[in-house]
ModelCIF file with pLDDT and N, C-alpha, C, O atoms, coordinates in Angstrom:
data_MODEL
#
_entry.id   MODEL 
#
_entity.id                         1 
_entity.type                       polymer 
_entity.pdbx_number_of_molecules   1 
#
_entity_poly.entity_id                      1 
_entity_poly.type                           'polypeptide(L)' 
_entity_poly.nstd_linkage                   no 
_entity_poly.nstd_monomer                   no 
_entity_poly.pdbx_seq_one_letter_code       YGNSGGGGGGGGAAGNGAGATPGSSDPYRYGGNGAGGQYYAPTGVRY 
_entity_poly.pdbx_seq_one_letter_code_can   YGNSGGGGGGGGAAGNGAGATPGSSDPYRYGGNGAGGQYYAPTGVRY 
_entity_poly.pdbx_strand_id                 A 
#
loop_
_entity_poly_seq.entity_id 
_entity_poly_seq.num 
_entity_poly_seq.mon_id 
_entity_poly_seq.hetero 
1 1  TYR n 
1 2  GLY n 
1 3  ASN n 
1 4  SER n 
1 5  GLY n 
1 6  GLY n 
1 7  GLY n 
1 8  GLY n 
1 9  GLY n 
1 10 GLY n 
1 11 GLY n 
1 12 GLY n 
1 13 ALA n 
1 14 ALA n 
1 15 GLY n 
1 16 ASN n 
1 17 GLY n 
1 18 ALA n 
1 19 GLY n 
1 20 ALA n 
1 21 THR n 
1 22 PRO n 
1 23 GLY n 
1 24 SER n 
1 25 SER n 
1 26 ASP n 
1 27 PRO n 
1 28 TYR n 
1 29 ARG n 
1 30 TYR n 
1 31 GLY n 
1 32 GLY n 
1 33 ASN n 
1 34 GLY n 
1 35 ALA n 
1 36 GLY n 
1 37 GLY n 
1 38 GLN n 
1 39 TYR n 
1 40 TYR n 
1 41 ALA n 
1 42 PRO n 
1 43 THR n 
1 44 GLY n 
1 45 VAL n 
1 46 ARG n 
1 47 TYR n 
#
_struct_asym.id          A 
_struct_asym.entity_id   1 
#
loop_
_ma_qa_metric.id 
_ma_qa_metric.mode 
_ma_qa_metric.name 
_ma_qa_metric.software_group_id 
_ma_qa_metric.type 
1 global pLDDT . pLDDT 
2 local  pLDDT . pLDDT 
#
_ma_qa_metric_global.metric_id      1 
_ma_qa_metric_global.metric_value   81.32 
_ma_qa_metric_global.model_id       1 
_ma_qa_metric_global.ordinal_id     1 
#
loop_
_ma_qa_metric_local.label_asym_id 
_ma_qa_metric_local.label_comp_id 
_ma_qa_metric_local.label_seq_id 
_ma_qa_metric_local.metric_id 
_ma_qa_metric_local.metric_value 
_ma_qa_metric_local.model_id 
_ma_qa_metric_local.ordinal_id 
A TYR 1  2 90.00 1 1  
A GLY 2  2 88.00 1 2  
A ASN 3  2 84.00 1 3  
A SER 4  2 75.00 1 4  
A GLY 5  2 73.00 1 5  
A GLY 6  2 82.00 1 6  
A GLY 7  2 88.00 1 7  
A GLY 8  2 90.00 1 8  
A GLY 9  2 91.00 1 9  
A GLY 10 2 91.00 1 10 
A GLY 11 2 91.00 1 11 
A GLY 12 2 89.00 1 12 
A ALA 13 2 86.00 1 13 
A ALA 14 2 65.00 1 14 
A GLY 15 2 54.00 1 15 
A ASN 16 2 51.00 1 16 
A GLY 17 2 53.00 1 17 
A ALA 18 2 61.00 1 18 
A GLY 19 2 65.00 1 19 
A ALA 20 2 85.00 1 20 
A THR 21 2 86.00 1 21 
A PRO 22 2 86.00 1 22 
A GLY 23 2 86.00 1 23 
A SER 24 2 80.00 1 24 
A SER 25 2 72.00 1 25 
A ASP 26 2 64.00 1 26 
A PRO 27 2 61.00 1 27 
A TYR 28 2 61.00 1 28 
A ARG 29 2 75.00 1 29 
A TYR 30 2 83.00 1 30 
A GLY 31 2 88.00 1 31 
A GLY 32 2 91.00 1 32 
A ASN 33 2 92.00 1 33 
A GLY 34 2 92.00 1 34 
A ALA 35 2 92.00 1 35 
A GLY 36 2 90.00 1 36 
A GLY 37 2 90.00 1 37 
A GLN 38 2 89.00 1 38 
A TYR 39 2 88.00 1 39 
A TYR 40 2 88.00 1 40 
A ALA 41 2 84.00 1 41 
A PRO 42 2 86.00 1 42 
A THR 43 2 87.00 1 43 
A GLY 44 2 86.00 1 44 
A VAL 45 2 88.00 1 45 
A ARG 46 2 90.00 1 46 
A TYR 47 2 95.00 1 47 
#
loop_
_atom_site.group_PDB 
_atom_site.id 
_atom_site.type_symbol 
_atom_site.label_atom_id 
_atom_site.label_alt_id 
_atom_site.label_comp_id 
_atom_site.label_asym_id 
_atom_site.label_entity_id 
_atom_site.label_seq_id 
_atom_site.pdbx_PDB_ins_code 
_atom_site.Cartn_x 
_atom_site.Cartn_y 
_atom_site.Cartn_z 
_atom_site.occupancy 
_atom_site.B_iso_or_equiv 
_atom_site.pdbx_formal_charge 
_atom_site.auth_seq_id 
_atom_site.auth_comp_id 
_atom_site.auth_asym_id 
_atom_site.auth_atom_id 
_atom_site.pdbx_PDB_model_num 
ATOM 1   N N  . TYR A 1 1  ? -12.617 19.240 2.580   1.00 90.00 ? 1  TYR A N  1 
ATOM 2   C CA . TYR A 1 1  ? -14.583 19.507 2.713   1.00 90.00 ? 1  TYR A CA 1 
ATOM 3   C C  . TYR A 1 1  ? -14.733 20.753 2.967   1.00 90.00 ? 1  TYR A C  1 
ATOM 4   O O  . TYR A 1 1  ? -13.897 21.454 3.537   1.00 90.00 ? 1  TYR A O  1 
ATOM 5   N N  . GLY A 1 2  ? -16.078 21.197 2.460   1.00 88.00 ? 2  GLY A N  1 
ATOM 6   C CA . GLY A 1 2  ? -16.131 22.620 3.007   1.00 88.00 ? 2  GLY A CA 1 
ATOM 7   C C  . GLY A 1 2  ? -17.108 21.914 4.235   1.00 88.00 ? 2  GLY A C  1 
ATOM 8   O O  . GLY A 1 2  ? -17.258 20.712 4.451   1.00 88.00 ? 2  GLY A O  1 
ATOM 9   N N  . ASN A 1 3  ? -17.614 22.878 4.837   1.00 84.00 ? 3  ASN A N  1 
ATOM 10  C CA . ASN A 1 3  ? -18.468 23.037 5.812   1.00 84.00 ? 3  ASN A CA 1 
ATOM 11  C C  . ASN A 1 3  ? -18.952 23.087 6.244   1.00 84.00 ? 3  ASN A C  1 
ATOM 12  O O  . ASN A 1 3  ? -19.639 22.120 5.914   1.00 84.00 ? 3  ASN A O  1 
ATOM 13  N N  . SER A 1 4  ? -19.854 23.914 7.715   1.00 75.00 ? 4  SER A N  1 
ATOM 14  C CA . SER A 1 4  ? -20.853 25.043 7.801   1.00 75.00 ? 4  SER A CA 1 
ATOM 15  C C  . SER A 1 4  ? -20.117 26.358 7.693   1.00 75.00 ? 4  SER A C  1 
ATOM 16  O O  . SER A 1 4  ? -20.599 27.442 7.362   1.00 75.00 ? 4  SER A O  1 
ATOM 17  N N  . GLY A 1 5  ? -19.183 26.152 7.942   1.00 73.00 ? 5  GLY A N  1 
ATOM 18  C CA . GLY A 1 5  ? -18.416 27.716 7.531   1.00 73.00 ? 5  GLY A CA 1 
ATOM 19  C C  . GLY A 1 5  ? -17.714 28.318 6.906   1.00 73.00 ? 5  GLY A C  1 
ATOM 20  O O  . GLY A 1 5  ? -17.575 29.534 7.037   1.00 73.00 ? 5  GLY A O  1 
ATOM 21  N N  . GLY A 1 6  ? -17.159 27.674 6.151   1.00 82.00 ? 6  GLY A N  1 
ATOM 22  C CA . GLY A 1 6  ? -16.637 28.209 4.922   1.00 82.00 ? 6  GLY A CA 1 
ATOM 23  C C  . GLY A 1 6  ? -16.191 27.153 4.064   1.00 82.00 ? 6  GLY A C  1 
ATOM 24  O O  . GLY A 1 6  ? -16.159 26.053 4.615   1.00 82.00 ? 6  GLY A O  1 
ATOM 25  N N  . GLY A 1 7  ? -15.685 27.205 2.349   1.00 88.00 ? 7  GLY A N  1 
ATOM 26  C CA . GLY A 1 7  ? -15.119 26.921 1.262   1.00 88.00 ? 7  GLY A CA 1 
ATOM 27  C C  . GLY A 1 7  ? -14.083 25.669 1.917   1.00 88.00 ? 7  GLY A C  1 
ATOM 28  O O  . GLY A 1 7  ? -13.607 25.705 3.051   1.00 88.00 ? 7  GLY A O  1 
ATOM 29  N N  . GLY A 1 8  ? -13.895 24.711 1.036   1.00 90.00 ? 8  GLY A N  1 
ATOM 30  C CA . GLY A 1 8  ? -12.988 23.834 0.955   1.00 90.00 ? 8  GLY A CA 1 
ATOM 31  C C  . GLY A 1 8  ? -11.464 24.442 0.572   1.00 90.00 ? 8  GLY A C  1 
ATOM 32  O O  . GLY A 1 8  ? -11.635 25.471 -0.082  1.00 90.00 ? 8  GLY A O  1 
ATOM 33  N N  . GLY A 1 9  ? -10.770 24.304 0.662   1.00 91.00 ? 9  GLY A N  1 
ATOM 34  C CA . GLY A 1 9  ? -9.541  24.541 -0.199  1.00 91.00 ? 9  GLY A CA 1 
ATOM 35  C C  . GLY A 1 9  ? -9.668  23.613 -1.189  1.00 91.00 ? 9  GLY A C  1 
ATOM 36  O O  . GLY A 1 9  ? -10.471 22.686 -1.290  1.00 91.00 ? 9  GLY A O  1 
ATOM 37  N N  . GLY A 1 10 ? -8.619  24.030 -2.041  1.00 91.00 ? 10 GLY A N  1 
ATOM 38  C CA . GLY A 1 10 ? -8.645  22.999 -3.379  1.00 91.00 ? 10 GLY A CA 1 
ATOM 39  C C  . GLY A 1 10 ? -7.228  21.995 -2.941  1.00 91.00 ? 10 GLY A C  1 
ATOM 40  O O  . GLY A 1 10 ? -6.452  22.205 -2.008  1.00 91.00 ? 10 GLY A O  1 
ATOM 41  N N  . GLY A 1 11 ? -7.194  20.793 -4.003  1.00 91.00 ? 11 GLY A N  1 
ATOM 42  C CA . GLY A 1 11 ? -5.821  20.090 -4.087  1.00 91.00 ? 11 GLY A CA 1 
ATOM 43  C C  . GLY A 1 11 ? -5.081  20.942 -4.303  1.00 91.00 ? 11 GLY A C  1 
ATOM 44  O O  . GLY A 1 11 ? -5.386  22.044 -4.757  1.00 91.00 ? 11 GLY A O  1 
ATOM 45  N N  . GLY A 1 12 ? -3.662  20.450 -3.925  1.00 89.00 ? 12 GLY A N  1 
ATOM 46  C CA . GLY A 1 12 ? -2.419  20.315 -4.925  1.00 89.00 ? 12 GLY A CA 1 
ATOM 47  C C  . GLY A 1 12 ? -1.990  19.425 -5.047  1.00 89.00 ? 12 GLY A C  1 
ATOM 48  O O  . GLY A 1 12 ? -2.573  18.431 -4.613  1.00 89.00 ? 12 GLY A O  1 
ATOM 49  N N  . ALA A 1 13 ? -0.700  19.303 -5.724  1.00 86.00 ? 13 ALA A N  1 
ATOM 50  C CA . ALA A 1 13 ? -0.364  18.170 -6.241  1.00 86.00 ? 13 ALA A CA 1 
ATOM 51  C C  . ALA A 1 13 ? 0.362   17.431 -5.933  1.00 86.00 ? 13 ALA A C  1 
ATOM 52  O O  . ALA A 1 13 ? 1.580   17.507 -6.094  1.00 86.00 ? 13 ALA A O  1 
ATOM 53  N N  . ALA A 1 14 ? -0.373  16.374 -5.316  1.00 65.00 ? 14 ALA A N  1 
ATOM 54  C CA . ALA A 1 14 ? 0.681   15.022 -4.660  1.00 65.00 ? 14 ALA A CA 1 
ATOM 55  C C  . ALA A 1 14 ? 1.630   15.545 -3.673  1.00 65.00 ? 14 ALA A C  1 
ATOM 56  O O  . ALA A 1 14 ? 1.593   16.697 -3.242  1.00 65.00 ? 14 ALA A O  1 
ATOM 57  N N  . GLY A 1 15 ? 2.729   14.391 -3.234  1.00 54.00 ? 15 GLY A N  1 
ATOM 58  C CA . GLY A 1 15 ? 3.696   14.545 -2.609  1.00 54.00 ? 15 GLY A CA 1 
ATOM 59  C C  . GLY A 1 15 ? 3.603   15.456 -1.275  1.00 54.00 ? 15 GLY A C  1 
ATOM 60  O O  . GLY A 1 15 ? 3.106   15.052 -0.224  1.00 54.00 ? 15 GLY A O  1 
ATOM 61  N N  . ASN A 1 16 ? 4.124   16.681 -1.460  1.00 51.00 ? 16 ASN A N  1 
ATOM 62  C CA . ASN A 1 16 ? 4.598   17.963 -0.828  1.00 51.00 ? 16 ASN A CA 1 
ATOM 63  C C  . ASN A 1 16 ? 2.971   18.750 -0.524  1.00 51.00 ? 16 ASN A C  1 
ATOM 64  O O  . ASN A 1 16 ? 2.824   19.560 0.392   1.00 51.00 ? 16 ASN A O  1 
ATOM 65  N N  . GLY A 1 17 ? 2.041   18.412 -1.296  1.00 53.00 ? 17 GLY A N  1 
ATOM 66  C CA . GLY A 1 17 ? 1.204   19.281 -1.756  1.00 53.00 ? 17 GLY A CA 1 
ATOM 67  C C  . GLY A 1 17 ? 0.005   18.351 -0.397  1.00 53.00 ? 17 GLY A C  1 
ATOM 68  O O  . GLY A 1 17 ? -0.911  19.078 -0.014  1.00 53.00 ? 17 GLY A O  1 
ATOM 69  N N  . ALA A 1 18 ? 0.037   16.758 0.304   1.00 61.00 ? 18 ALA A N  1 
ATOM 70  C CA . ALA A 1 18 ? -0.937  16.737 0.605   1.00 61.00 ? 18 ALA A CA 1 
ATOM 71  C C  . ALA A 1 18 ? -2.264  16.873 0.314   1.00 61.00 ? 18 ALA A C  1 
ATOM 72  O O  . ALA A 1 18 ? -2.649  17.281 -0.782  1.00 61.00 ? 18 ALA A O  1 
ATOM 73  N N  . GLY A 1 19 ? -3.206  16.477 1.463   1.00 65.00 ? 19 GLY A N  1 
ATOM 74  C CA . GLY A 1 19 ? -4.726  17.181 1.192   1.00 65.00 ? 19 GLY A CA 1 
ATOM 75  C C  . GLY A 1 19 ? -4.898  17.954 1.531   1.00 65.00 ? 19 GLY A C  1 
ATOM 76  O O  . GLY A 1 19 ? -4.402  18.269 2.613   1.00 65.00 ? 19 GLY A O  1 
ATOM 77  N N  . ALA A 1 20 ? -5.479  18.547 1.042   1.00 85.00 ? 20 ALA A N  1 
ATOM 78  C CA . ALA A 1 20 ? -6.350  20.612 1.304   1.00 85.00 ? 20 ALA A CA 1 
ATOM 79  C C  . ALA A 1 20 ? -7.344  20.344 2.575   1.00 85.00 ? 20 ALA A C  1 
ATOM 80  O O  . ALA A 1 20 ? -8.095  19.408 2.851   1.00 85.00 ? 20 ALA A O  1 
ATOM 81  N N  . THR A 1 21 ? -6.918  21.955 3.433   1.00 86.00 ? 21 THR A N  1 
ATOM 82  C CA . THR A 1 21 ? -7.749  21.824 4.473   1.00 86.00 ? 21 THR A CA 1 
ATOM 83  C C  . THR A 1 21 ? -9.076  21.855 4.582   1.00 86.00 ? 21 THR A C  1 
ATOM 84  O O  . THR A 1 21 ? -9.646  22.605 3.790   1.00 86.00 ? 21 THR A O  1 
ATOM 85  N N  . PRO A 1 22 ? -9.652  21.330 5.242   1.00 86.00 ? 22 PRO A N  1 
ATOM 86  C CA . PRO A 1 22 ? -11.236 22.033 5.374   1.00 86.00 ? 22 PRO A CA 1 
ATOM 87  C C  . PRO A 1 22 ? -11.613 23.100 5.801   1.00 86.00 ? 22 PRO A C  1 
ATOM 88  O O  . PRO A 1 22 ? -11.079 23.772 6.684   1.00 86.00 ? 22 PRO A O  1 
ATOM 89  N N  . GLY A 1 23 ? -13.058 23.449 4.884   1.00 86.00 ? 23 GLY A N  1 
ATOM 90  C CA . GLY A 1 23 ? -13.609 24.997 5.802   1.00 86.00 ? 23 GLY A CA 1 
ATOM 91  C C  . GLY A 1 23 ? -13.888 24.551 7.358   1.00 86.00 ? 23 GLY A C  1 
ATOM 92  O O  . GLY A 1 23 ? -14.279 23.384 7.381   1.00 86.00 ? 23 GLY A O  1 
ATOM 93  N N  . SER A 1 24 ? -13.821 24.998 8.351   1.00 80.00 ? 24 SER A N  1 
ATOM 94  C CA . SER A 1 24 ? -14.129 25.067 9.236   1.00 80.00 ? 24 SER A CA 1 
ATOM 95  C C  . SER A 1 24 ? -15.744 25.369 10.001  1.00 80.00 ? 24 SER A C  1 
ATOM 96  O O  . SER A 1 24 ? -16.520 26.204 9.538   1.00 80.00 ? 24 SER A O  1 
ATOM 97  N N  . SER A 1 25 ? -16.029 24.599 11.128  1.00 72.00 ? 25 SER A N  1 
ATOM 98  C CA . SER A 1 25 ? -17.181 24.513 11.701  1.00 72.00 ? 25 SER A CA 1 
ATOM 99  C C  . SER A 1 25 ? -17.831 25.428 12.411  1.00 72.00 ? 25 SER A C  1 
ATOM 100 O O  . SER A 1 25 ? -16.948 26.151 12.872  1.00 72.00 ? 25 SER A O  1 
ATOM 101 N N  . ASP A 1 26 ? -18.857 25.809 12.761  1.00 64.00 ? 26 ASP A N  1 
ATOM 102 C CA . ASP A 1 26 ? -19.446 26.983 13.878  1.00 64.00 ? 26 ASP A CA 1 
ATOM 103 C C  . ASP A 1 26 ? -18.297 27.070 15.304  1.00 64.00 ? 26 ASP A C  1 
ATOM 104 O O  . ASP A 1 26 ? -18.011 25.948 15.722  1.00 64.00 ? 26 ASP A O  1 
ATOM 105 N N  . PRO A 1 27 ? -17.790 27.958 15.885  1.00 61.00 ? 27 PRO A N  1 
ATOM 106 C CA . PRO A 1 27 ? -18.271 29.166 14.997  1.00 61.00 ? 27 PRO A CA 1 
ATOM 107 C C  . PRO A 1 27 ? -17.463 29.786 14.552  1.00 61.00 ? 27 PRO A C  1 
ATOM 108 O O  . PRO A 1 27 ? -17.779 30.975 14.536  1.00 61.00 ? 27 PRO A O  1 
ATOM 109 N N  . TYR A 1 28 ? -16.232 29.523 14.036  1.00 61.00 ? 28 TYR A N  1 
ATOM 110 C CA . TYR A 1 28 ? -15.073 30.001 13.666  1.00 61.00 ? 28 TYR A CA 1 
ATOM 111 C C  . TYR A 1 28 ? -15.116 30.484 11.615  1.00 61.00 ? 28 TYR A C  1 
ATOM 112 O O  . TYR A 1 28 ? -14.653 31.464 11.030  1.00 61.00 ? 28 TYR A O  1 
ATOM 113 N N  . ARG A 1 29 ? -15.715 29.535 11.207  1.00 75.00 ? 29 ARG A N  1 
ATOM 114 C CA . ARG A 1 29 ? -16.383 29.905 10.083  1.00 75.00 ? 29 ARG A CA 1 
ATOM 115 C C  . ARG A 1 29 ? -15.388 30.146 9.003   1.00 75.00 ? 29 ARG A C  1 
ATOM 116 O O  . ARG A 1 29 ? -15.735 30.747 7.986   1.00 75.00 ? 29 ARG A O  1 
ATOM 117 N N  . TYR A 1 30 ? -14.263 29.746 9.152   1.00 83.00 ? 30 TYR A N  1 
ATOM 118 C CA . TYR A 1 30 ? -13.069 29.639 8.370   1.00 83.00 ? 30 TYR A CA 1 
ATOM 119 C C  . TYR A 1 30 ? -13.371 29.254 7.200   1.00 83.00 ? 30 TYR A C  1 
ATOM 120 O O  . TYR A 1 30 ? -14.271 28.448 6.962   1.00 83.00 ? 30 TYR A O  1 
ATOM 121 N N  . GLY A 1 31 ? -12.425 29.959 6.096   1.00 88.00 ? 31 GLY A N  1 
ATOM 122 C CA . GLY A 1 31 ? -11.730 28.790 4.543   1.00 88.00 ? 31 GLY A CA 1 
ATOM 123 C C  . GLY A 1 31 ? -11.030 28.074 4.691   1.00 88.00 ? 31 GLY A C  1 
ATOM 124 O O  . GLY A 1 31 ? -10.117 28.203 5.507   1.00 88.00 ? 31 GLY A O  1 
ATOM 125 N N  . GLY A 1 32 ? -11.217 26.946 3.877   1.00 91.00 ? 32 GLY A N  1 
ATOM 126 C CA . GLY A 1 32 ? -10.088 25.925 3.952   1.00 91.00 ? 32 GLY A CA 1 
ATOM 127 C C  . GLY A 1 32 ? -8.641  26.674 3.522   1.00 91.00 ? 32 GLY A C  1 
ATOM 128 O O  . GLY A 1 32 ? -8.854  27.787 3.041   1.00 91.00 ? 32 GLY A O  1 
ATOM 129 N N  . ASN A 1 33 ? -7.464  26.374 3.577   1.00 92.00 ? 33 ASN A N  1 
ATOM 130 C CA . ASN A 1 33 ? -6.498  26.259 2.863   1.00 92.00 ? 33 ASN A CA 1 
ATOM 131 C C  . ASN A 1 33 ? -6.367  25.387 1.616   1.00 92.00 ? 33 ASN A C  1 
ATOM 132 O O  . ASN A 1 33 ? -6.694  24.201 1.657   1.00 92.00 ? 33 ASN A O  1 
ATOM 133 N N  . GLY A 1 34 ? -5.910  25.938 0.545   1.00 92.00 ? 34 GLY A N  1 
ATOM 134 C CA . GLY A 1 34 ? -5.231  25.132 -0.603  1.00 92.00 ? 34 GLY A CA 1 
ATOM 135 C C  . GLY A 1 34 ? -4.068  24.420 -0.149  1.00 92.00 ? 34 GLY A C  1 
ATOM 136 O O  . GLY A 1 34 ? -3.484  24.897 0.824   1.00 92.00 ? 34 GLY A O  1 
ATOM 137 N N  . ALA A 1 35 ? -3.720  23.597 -0.557  1.00 92.00 ? 35 ALA A N  1 
ATOM 138 C CA . ALA A 1 35 ? -2.759  22.875 -0.486  1.00 92.00 ? 35 ALA A CA 1 
ATOM 139 C C  . ALA A 1 35 ? -1.072  23.316 -1.401  1.00 92.00 ? 35 ALA A C  1 
ATOM 140 O O  . ALA A 1 35 ? -0.997  23.840 -2.513  1.00 92.00 ? 35 ALA A O  1 
ATOM 141 N N  . GLY A 1 36 ? -0.355  23.063 -0.854  1.00 90.00 ? 36 GLY A N  1 
ATOM 142 C CA . GLY A 1 36 ? 1.124   23.192 -1.795  1.00 90.00 ? 36 GLY A CA 1 
ATOM 143 C C  . GLY A 1 36 ? 0.996   22.555 -2.699  1.00 90.00 ? 36 GLY A C  1 
ATOM 144 O O  . GLY A 1 36 ? 0.241   21.590 -2.826  1.00 90.00 ? 36 GLY A O  1 
ATOM 145 N N  . GLY A 1 37 ? 1.834   23.076 -3.580  1.00 90.00 ? 37 GLY A N  1 
ATOM 146 C CA . GLY A 1 37 ? 1.964   22.102 -5.257  1.00 90.00 ? 37 GLY A CA 1 
ATOM 147 C C  . GLY A 1 37 ? 2.958   21.038 -5.131  1.00 90.00 ? 37 GLY A C  1 
ATOM 148 O O  . GLY A 1 37 ? 3.257   20.509 -4.061  1.00 90.00 ? 37 GLY A O  1 
ATOM 149 N N  . GLN A 1 38 ? 3.554   20.689 -6.496  1.00 89.00 ? 38 GLN A N  1 
ATOM 150 C CA . GLN A 1 38 ? 4.329   19.520 -6.095  1.00 89.00 ? 38 GLN A CA 1 
ATOM 151 C C  . GLN A 1 38 ? 5.922   20.500 -6.243  1.00 89.00 ? 38 GLN A C  1 
ATOM 152 O O  . GLN A 1 38 ? 6.041   21.549 -6.874  1.00 89.00 ? 38 GLN A O  1 
ATOM 153 N N  . TYR A 1 39 ? 6.828   19.903 -5.593  1.00 88.00 ? 39 TYR A N  1 
ATOM 154 C CA . TYR A 1 39 ? 7.916   20.634 -5.944  1.00 88.00 ? 39 TYR A CA 1 
ATOM 155 C C  . TYR A 1 39 ? 9.100   19.987 -6.803  1.00 88.00 ? 39 TYR A C  1 
ATOM 156 O O  . TYR A 1 39 ? 9.558   18.849 -6.700  1.00 88.00 ? 39 TYR A O  1 
ATOM 157 N N  . TYR A 1 40 ? 9.565   21.256 -7.889  1.00 88.00 ? 40 TYR A N  1 
ATOM 158 C CA . TYR A 1 40 ? 11.004  20.450 -8.896  1.00 88.00 ? 40 TYR A CA 1 
ATOM 159 C C  . TYR A 1 40 ? 12.031  20.956 -8.921  1.00 88.00 ? 40 TYR A C  1 
ATOM 160 O O  . TYR A 1 40 ? 12.489  21.918 -9.537  1.00 88.00 ? 40 TYR A O  1 
ATOM 161 N N  . ALA A 1 41 ? 12.593  19.940 -7.873  1.00 84.00 ? 41 ALA A N  1 
ATOM 162 C CA . ALA A 1 41 ? 14.010  20.588 -7.704  1.00 84.00 ? 41 ALA A CA 1 
ATOM 163 C C  . ALA A 1 41 ? 14.739  21.222 -8.532  1.00 84.00 ? 41 ALA A C  1 
ATOM 164 O O  . ALA A 1 41 ? 15.390  22.078 -7.934  1.00 84.00 ? 41 ALA A O  1 
ATOM 165 N N  . PRO A 1 42 ? 15.061  21.194 -10.314 1.00 86.00 ? 42 PRO A N  1 
ATOM 166 C CA . PRO A 1 42 ? 16.296  21.713 -11.060 1.00 86.00 ? 42 PRO A CA 1 
ATOM 167 C C  . PRO A 1 42 ? 15.349  23.471 -10.913 1.00 86.00 ? 42 PRO A C  1 
ATOM 168 O O  . PRO A 1 42 ? 16.144  24.409 -10.852 1.00 86.00 ? 42 PRO A O  1 
ATOM 169 N N  . THR A 1 43 ? 14.025  23.833 -10.869 1.00 87.00 ? 43 THR A N  1 
ATOM 170 C CA . THR A 1 43 ? 13.721  25.534 -10.749 1.00 87.00 ? 43 THR A CA 1 
ATOM 171 C C  . THR A 1 43 ? 13.761  25.790 -9.326  1.00 87.00 ? 43 THR A C  1 
ATOM 172 O O  . THR A 1 43 ? 13.936  26.967 -9.013  1.00 87.00 ? 43 THR A O  1 
ATOM 173 N N  . GLY A 1 44 ? 13.596  24.667 -8.098  1.00 86.00 ? 44 GLY A N  1 
ATOM 174 C CA . GLY A 1 44 ? 13.404  25.333 -6.990  1.00 86.00 ? 44 GLY A CA 1 
ATOM 175 C C  . GLY A 1 44 ? 11.944  26.006 -6.598  1.00 86.00 ? 44 GLY A C  1 
ATOM 176 O O  . GLY A 1 44 ? 11.950  26.744 -5.612  1.00 86.00 ? 44 GLY A O  1 
ATOM 177 N N  . VAL A 1 45 ? 10.467  25.770 -7.424  1.00 88.00 ? 45 VAL A N  1 
ATOM 178 C CA . VAL A 1 45 ? 9.419   25.914 -7.423  1.00 88.00 ? 45 VAL A CA 1 
ATOM 179 C C  . VAL A 1 45 ? 8.442   24.872 -7.228  1.00 88.00 ? 45 VAL A C  1 
ATOM 180 O O  . VAL A 1 45 ? 8.847   23.755 -7.551  1.00 88.00 ? 45 VAL A O  1 
ATOM 181 N N  . ARG A 1 46 ? 7.129   24.942 -6.736  1.00 90.00 ? 46 ARG A N  1 
ATOM 182 C CA . ARG A 1 46 ? 6.333   24.096 -6.530  1.00 90.00 ? 46 ARG A CA 1 
ATOM 183 C C  . ARG A 1 46 ? 5.232   24.400 -7.267  1.00 90.00 ? 46 ARG A C  1 
ATOM 184 O O  . ARG A 1 46 ? 4.855   25.561 -7.104  1.00 90.00 ? 46 ARG A O  1 
ATOM 185 N N  . TYR A 1 47 ? 4.588   23.744 -8.026  1.00 95.00 ? 47 TYR A N  1 
ATOM 186 C CA . TYR A 1 47 ? 3.859   23.417 -9.415  1.00 95.00 ? 47 TYR A CA 1 
ATOM 187 C C  . TYR A 1 47 ? 2.324   23.141 -8.660  1.00 95.00 ? 47 TYR A C  1 
ATOM 188 O O  . TYR A 1 47 ? 1.347   22.835 -9.343  1.00 95.00 ? 47 TYR A O  1 
#
């Protein structure tokens, strides 16, 4: 979610991504964090 303080984070892809962080309300007005990608074992990277 976007909130009264900052934009929401974007969704990441499934499993290890879970839900993105919402933007905060006053007085902190922080932007939300993005969610992580999905882990792919052969490369050791999240996409």
